[in-house]
């Protein structure tokens, strides 16, 4: 398997995870009550962030002449694990929403870290993934800080 094919496989995994993240945030948005309206704006921002990231990664995969993945991950390893917000949360209080959001952010953060540590990305792909990873880490830290405040 060529280096570009290996890189494309990694990028396709990240595309799927970003699609999962968008789906998770969109589902959460539809279930959030008015008392958490500030979370709606934040979750919309992060859904848009993942749409942009997915487009950037798709362009890279296409530039390699490889097929790109348009779907979500088969196992739903990220935010699809919290698609049905109400049933997983056992409610939709602020702390529960943020706990589940952080869990999803933990998963995508880990995937980006692993993608960067593999050594299989091309230089161009590594640059893009590194930049996106910073955004993912910042999002995670923001959600975690909000969750910690909600616990107090």
C-alpha atoms as a PDB file:
ATOM      1  CA  UNK A   1       0.000   0.000   0.000  1.00  0.00           C
ATOM      2  CA  UNK A   2       1.442   3.377  -0.985  1.00  0.00           C
ATOM      3  CA  UNK A   3       2.019   6.207   1.473  1.00  0.00           C
ATOM      4  CA  UNK A   4      -0.804   8.167  -0.161  1.00  0.00           C
ATOM      5  CA  UNK A   5      -3.182   5.232   0.254  1.00  0.00           C
ATOM      6  CA  UNK A   6      -2.248   4.887   3.933  1.00  0.00           C
ATOM      7  CA  UNK A   7      -2.715   8.612   4.419  1.00  0.00           C
ATOM      8  CA  UNK A   8      -6.063   8.464   2.592  1.00  0.00           C
ATOM      9  CA  UNK A   9      -7.244   5.665   4.909  1.00  0.00           C
ATOM     10  CA  UNK A  10      -6.359   7.718   7.985  1.00  0.00           C
ATOM     11  CA  UNK A  11      -7.982  10.832   6.522  1.00  0.00           C
ATOM     12  CA  UNK A  12     -11.127   8.866   5.653  1.00  0.00           C
ATOM     13  CA  UNK A  13     -11.363   7.737   9.286  1.00  0.00           C
ATOM     14  CA  UNK A  14     -11.118  11.374  10.368  1.00  0.00           C
ATOM     15  CA  UNK A  15     -13.754  12.365   7.805  1.00  0.00           C
ATOM     16  CA  UNK A  16     -16.131   9.776   9.279  1.00  0.00           C
ATOM     17  CA  UNK A  17     -15.438  10.971  12.812  1.00  0.00           C
ATOM     18  CA  UNK A  18     -16.070  14.569  11.816  1.00  0.00           C
ATOM     19  CA  UNK A  19     -19.346  13.463  10.217  1.00  0.00           C
ATOM     20  CA  UNK A  20     -20.223  11.683  13.481  1.00  0.00           C
ATOM     21  CA  UNK A  21     -19.390  14.849  15.393  1.00  0.00           C
ATOM     22  CA  UNK A  22     -21.687  16.930  13.168  1.00  0.00           C
ATOM     23  CA  UNK A  23     -24.523  14.406  13.594  1.00  0.00           C
ATOM     24  CA  UNK A  24     -24.054  14.335  17.364  1.00  0.00           C
ATOM     25  CA  UNK A  25     -24.060  18.089  17.751  1.00  0.00           C
ATOM     26  CA  UNK A  26     -27.071  18.453  15.453  1.00  0.00           C
ATOM     27  CA  UNK A  27     -29.037  15.916  17.494  1.00  0.00           C
ATOM     28  CA  UNK A  28     -28.013  17.627  20.719  1.00  0.00           C
ATOM     29  CA  UNK A  29     -29.113  20.969  19.264  1.00  0.00           C
ATOM     30  CA  UNK A  30     -32.596  19.643  18.594  1.00  0.00           C
ATOM     31  CA  UNK A  31     -32.923  18.418  22.199  1.00  0.00           C
ATOM     32  CA  UNK A  32     -31.433  21.339  24.142  1.00  0.00           C
ATOM     33  CA  UNK A  33     -33.943  23.392  26.107  1.00  0.00           C
ATOM     34  CA  UNK A  34     -33.981  27.184  26.219  1.00  0.00           C
ATOM     35  CA  UNK A  35     -32.182  27.370  29.566  1.00  0.00           C
ATOM     36  CA  UNK A  36     -29.083  26.104  27.764  1.00  0.00           C
ATOM     37  CA  UNK A  37     -29.330  28.397  24.756  1.00  0.00           C
ATOM     38  CA  UNK A  38     -25.629  29.283  25.078  1.00  0.00           C
ATOM     39  CA  UNK A  39     -24.790  25.651  24.343  1.00  0.00           C
ATOM     40  CA  UNK A  40     -26.755  25.844  21.101  1.00  0.00           C
ATOM     41  CA  UNK A  41     -24.441  28.537  19.743  1.00  0.00           C
ATOM     42  CA  UNK A  42     -21.377  26.578  20.850  1.00  0.00           C
ATOM     43  CA  UNK A  43     -22.596  23.288  19.405  1.00  0.00           C
ATOM     44  CA  UNK A  44     -23.507  24.986  16.109  1.00  0.00           C
ATOM     45  CA  UNK A  45     -19.976  26.384  15.976  1.00  0.00           C
ATOM     46  CA  UNK A  46     -18.451  22.954  16.546  1.00  0.00           C
ATOM     47  CA  UNK A  47     -20.750  21.263  14.014  1.00  0.00           C
ATOM     48  CA  UNK A  48     -19.659  23.868  11.452  1.00  0.00           C
ATOM     49  CA  UNK A  49     -16.048  23.326  12.473  1.00  0.00           C
ATOM     50  CA  UNK A  50     -16.358  19.612  11.691  1.00  0.00           C
ATOM     51  CA  UNK A  51     -18.092  20.313   8.373  1.00  0.00           C
ATOM     52  CA  UNK A  52     -15.135  22.491   7.393  1.00  0.00           C
ATOM     53  CA  UNK A  53     -12.636  19.915   8.617  1.00  0.00           C
ATOM     54  CA  UNK A  54     -14.384  17.176   6.663  1.00  0.00           C
ATOM     55  CA  UNK A  55     -14.279  19.289   3.491  1.00  0.00           C
ATOM     56  CA  UNK A  56     -10.567  19.974   3.941  1.00  0.00           C
ATOM     57  CA  UNK A  57      -9.813  16.291   4.483  1.00  0.00           C
ATOM     58  CA  UNK A  58     -12.000  15.258   1.547  1.00  0.00           C
ATOM     59  CA  UNK A  59     -10.086  17.618  -0.737  1.00  0.00           C
ATOM     60  CA  UNK A  60      -6.818  16.053   0.388  1.00  0.00           C
ATOM     61  CA  UNK A  61      -8.032  12.503  -0.206  1.00  0.00           C
ATOM     62  CA  UNK A  62      -9.342  13.484  -3.633  1.00  0.00           C
ATOM     63  CA  UNK A  63      -5.993  15.112  -4.483  1.00  0.00           C
ATOM     64  CA  UNK A  64      -4.371  11.706  -3.893  1.00  0.00           C
ATOM     65  CA  UNK A  65      -6.713  10.180  -6.450  1.00  0.00           C
ATOM     66  CA  UNK A  66      -8.320   8.072  -3.741  1.00  0.00           C
ATOM     67  CA  UNK A  67     -11.989   7.628  -2.894  1.00  0.00           C
ATOM     68  CA  UNK A  68     -13.234   9.572   0.082  1.00  0.00           C
ATOM     69  CA  UNK A  69     -15.829   8.510   2.590  1.00  0.00           C
ATOM     70  CA  UNK A  70     -19.058  10.499   2.742  1.00  0.00           C
ATOM     71  CA  UNK A  71     -20.628   8.640   5.636  1.00  0.00           C
ATOM     72  CA  UNK A  72     -20.309   8.252   9.342  1.00  0.00           C
ATOM     73  CA  UNK A  73     -18.303   5.585  11.128  1.00  0.00           C
ATOM     74  CA  UNK A  74     -19.739   2.088  11.185  1.00  0.00           C
ATOM     75  CA  UNK A  75     -19.281   1.649  14.915  1.00  0.00           C
ATOM     76  CA  UNK A  76     -20.450   5.139  15.746  1.00  0.00           C
ATOM     77  CA  UNK A  77     -17.382   5.562  17.909  1.00  0.00           C
ATOM     78  CA  UNK A  78     -17.841   9.260  18.371  1.00  0.00           C
ATOM     79  CA  UNK A  79     -20.810  11.521  18.735  1.00  0.00           C
ATOM     80  CA  UNK A  80     -23.238   9.033  17.275  1.00  0.00           C
ATOM     81  CA  UNK A  81     -22.790   7.334  20.644  1.00  0.00           C
ATOM     82  CA  UNK A  82     -24.853  10.211  21.988  1.00  0.00           C
ATOM     83  CA  UNK A  83     -27.240  10.821  19.080  1.00  0.00           C
ATOM     84  CA  UNK A  84     -30.268   9.959  21.168  1.00  0.00           C
ATOM     85  CA  UNK A  85     -29.457  12.604  23.704  1.00  0.00           C
ATOM     86  CA  UNK A  86     -32.443  12.143  25.968  1.00  0.00           C
ATOM     87  CA  UNK A  87     -32.114   8.402  26.432  1.00  0.00           C
ATOM     88  CA  UNK A  88     -28.378   8.455  27.016  1.00  0.00           C
ATOM     89  CA  UNK A  89     -28.483  11.450  29.298  1.00  0.00           C
ATOM     90  CA  UNK A  90     -31.388  10.247  31.326  1.00  0.00           C
ATOM     91  CA  UNK A  91     -32.523  13.811  30.896  1.00  0.00           C
ATOM     92  CA  UNK A  92     -31.165  16.925  29.330  1.00  0.00           C
ATOM     93  CA  UNK A  93     -29.721  18.908  32.196  1.00  0.00           C
ATOM     94  CA  UNK A  94     -26.665  21.019  31.491  1.00  0.00           C
ATOM     95  CA  UNK A  95     -24.129  18.783  33.217  1.00  0.00           C
ATOM     96  CA  UNK A  96     -25.396  15.656  31.428  1.00  0.00           C
ATOM     97  CA  UNK A  97     -25.295  17.371  28.045  1.00  0.00           C
ATOM     98  CA  UNK A  98     -21.752  18.555  28.644  1.00  0.00           C
ATOM     99  CA  UNK A  99     -20.633  15.154  30.015  1.00  0.00           C
ATOM    100  CA  UNK A 100     -21.754  13.451  26.817  1.00  0.00           C
ATOM    101  CA  UNK A 101     -20.308  16.181  24.614  1.00  0.00           C
ATOM    102  CA  UNK A 102     -16.965  15.848  26.379  1.00  0.00           C
ATOM    103  CA  UNK A 103     -17.023  12.089  25.918  1.00  0.00           C
ATOM    104  CA  UNK A 104     -17.463  12.586  22.192  1.00  0.00           C
ATOM    105  CA  UNK A 105     -14.719  15.209  22.123  1.00  0.00           C
ATOM    106  CA  UNK A 106     -12.399  12.801  23.968  1.00  0.00           C
ATOM    107  CA  UNK A 107     -12.875  10.258  21.184  1.00  0.00           C
ATOM    108  CA  UNK A 108     -12.172  12.624  18.286  1.00  0.00           C
ATOM    109  CA  UNK A 109      -9.241  14.188  20.145  1.00  0.00           C
ATOM    110  CA  UNK A 110      -7.741  10.702  20.587  1.00  0.00           C
ATOM    111  CA  UNK A 111      -8.251   9.891  16.894  1.00  0.00           C
ATOM    112  CA  UNK A 112      -6.437  13.050  15.831  1.00  0.00           C
ATOM    113  CA  UNK A 113      -3.581  12.330  18.245  1.00  0.00           C
ATOM    114  CA  UNK A 114      -3.245   8.801  16.872  1.00  0.00           C
ATOM    115  CA  UNK A 115      -3.373  10.027  13.264  1.00  0.00           C
ATOM    116  CA  UNK A 116      -0.482  12.376  13.980  1.00  0.00           C
ATOM    117  CA  UNK A 117       1.572   9.740  15.784  1.00  0.00           C
ATOM    118  CA  UNK A 118       1.193   7.062  13.059  1.00  0.00           C
ATOM    119  CA  UNK A 119       3.834   8.488  10.770  1.00  0.00           C
ATOM    120  CA  UNK A 120       1.732   7.518   7.733  1.00  0.00           C
ATOM    121  CA  UNK A 121       0.500  10.989   6.792  1.00  0.00           C
ATOM    122  CA  UNK A 122       2.050  12.920   3.944  1.00  0.00           C
ATOM    123  CA  UNK A 123       3.638  16.237   4.916  1.00  0.00           C
ATOM    124  CA  UNK A 124       0.650  18.147   3.537  1.00  0.00           C
ATOM    125  CA  UNK A 125      -1.842  15.920   5.354  1.00  0.00           C
ATOM    126  CA  UNK A 126       0.113  16.171   8.595  1.00  0.00           C
ATOM    127  CA  UNK A 127       0.005  19.961   8.401  1.00  0.00           C
ATOM    128  CA  UNK A 128      -3.774  19.994   7.892  1.00  0.00           C
ATOM    129  CA  UNK A 129      -4.424  17.367  10.574  1.00  0.00           C
ATOM    130  CA  UNK A 130      -2.162  19.186  13.057  1.00  0.00           C
ATOM    131  CA  UNK A 131      -4.068  22.456  12.511  1.00  0.00           C
ATOM    132  CA  UNK A 132      -7.417  20.668  12.880  1.00  0.00           C
ATOM    133  CA  UNK A 133      -6.177  18.842  15.966  1.00  0.00           C
ATOM    134  CA  UNK A 134      -5.524  22.169  17.662  1.00  0.00           C
ATOM    135  CA  UNK A 135      -9.129  23.202  16.977  1.00  0.00           C
ATOM    136  CA  UNK A 136     -10.427  19.878  18.305  1.00  0.00           C
ATOM    137  CA  UNK A 137      -8.309  20.186  21.458  1.00  0.00           C
ATOM    138  CA  UNK A 138      -9.563  23.741  22.038  1.00  0.00           C
ATOM    139  CA  UNK A 139     -13.176  22.611  21.603  1.00  0.00           C
ATOM    140  CA  UNK A 140     -12.628  19.754  24.037  1.00  0.00           C
ATOM    141  CA  UNK A 141     -11.091  22.061  26.622  1.00  0.00           C
ATOM    142  CA  UNK A 142     -13.971  24.556  26.296  1.00  0.00           C
ATOM    143  CA  UNK A 143     -16.600  21.837  26.750  1.00  0.00           C
ATOM    144  CA  UNK A 144     -14.684  20.361  29.693  1.00  0.00           C
ATOM    145  CA  UNK A 145     -14.430  23.783  31.378  1.00  0.00           C
ATOM    146  CA  UNK A 146     -18.179  24.353  30.904  1.00  0.00           C
ATOM    147  CA  UNK A 147     -18.873  20.882  32.308  1.00  0.00           C
ATOM    148  CA  UNK A 148     -16.717  21.603  35.365  1.00  0.00           C
ATOM    149  CA  UNK A 149     -18.622  24.850  35.959  1.00  0.00           C
ATOM    150  CA  UNK A 150     -21.940  22.996  35.630  1.00  0.00           C
ATOM    151  CA  UNK A 151     -20.806  20.526  38.302  1.00  0.00           C
ATOM    152  CA  UNK A 152     -20.214  23.281  40.852  1.00  0.00           C
END
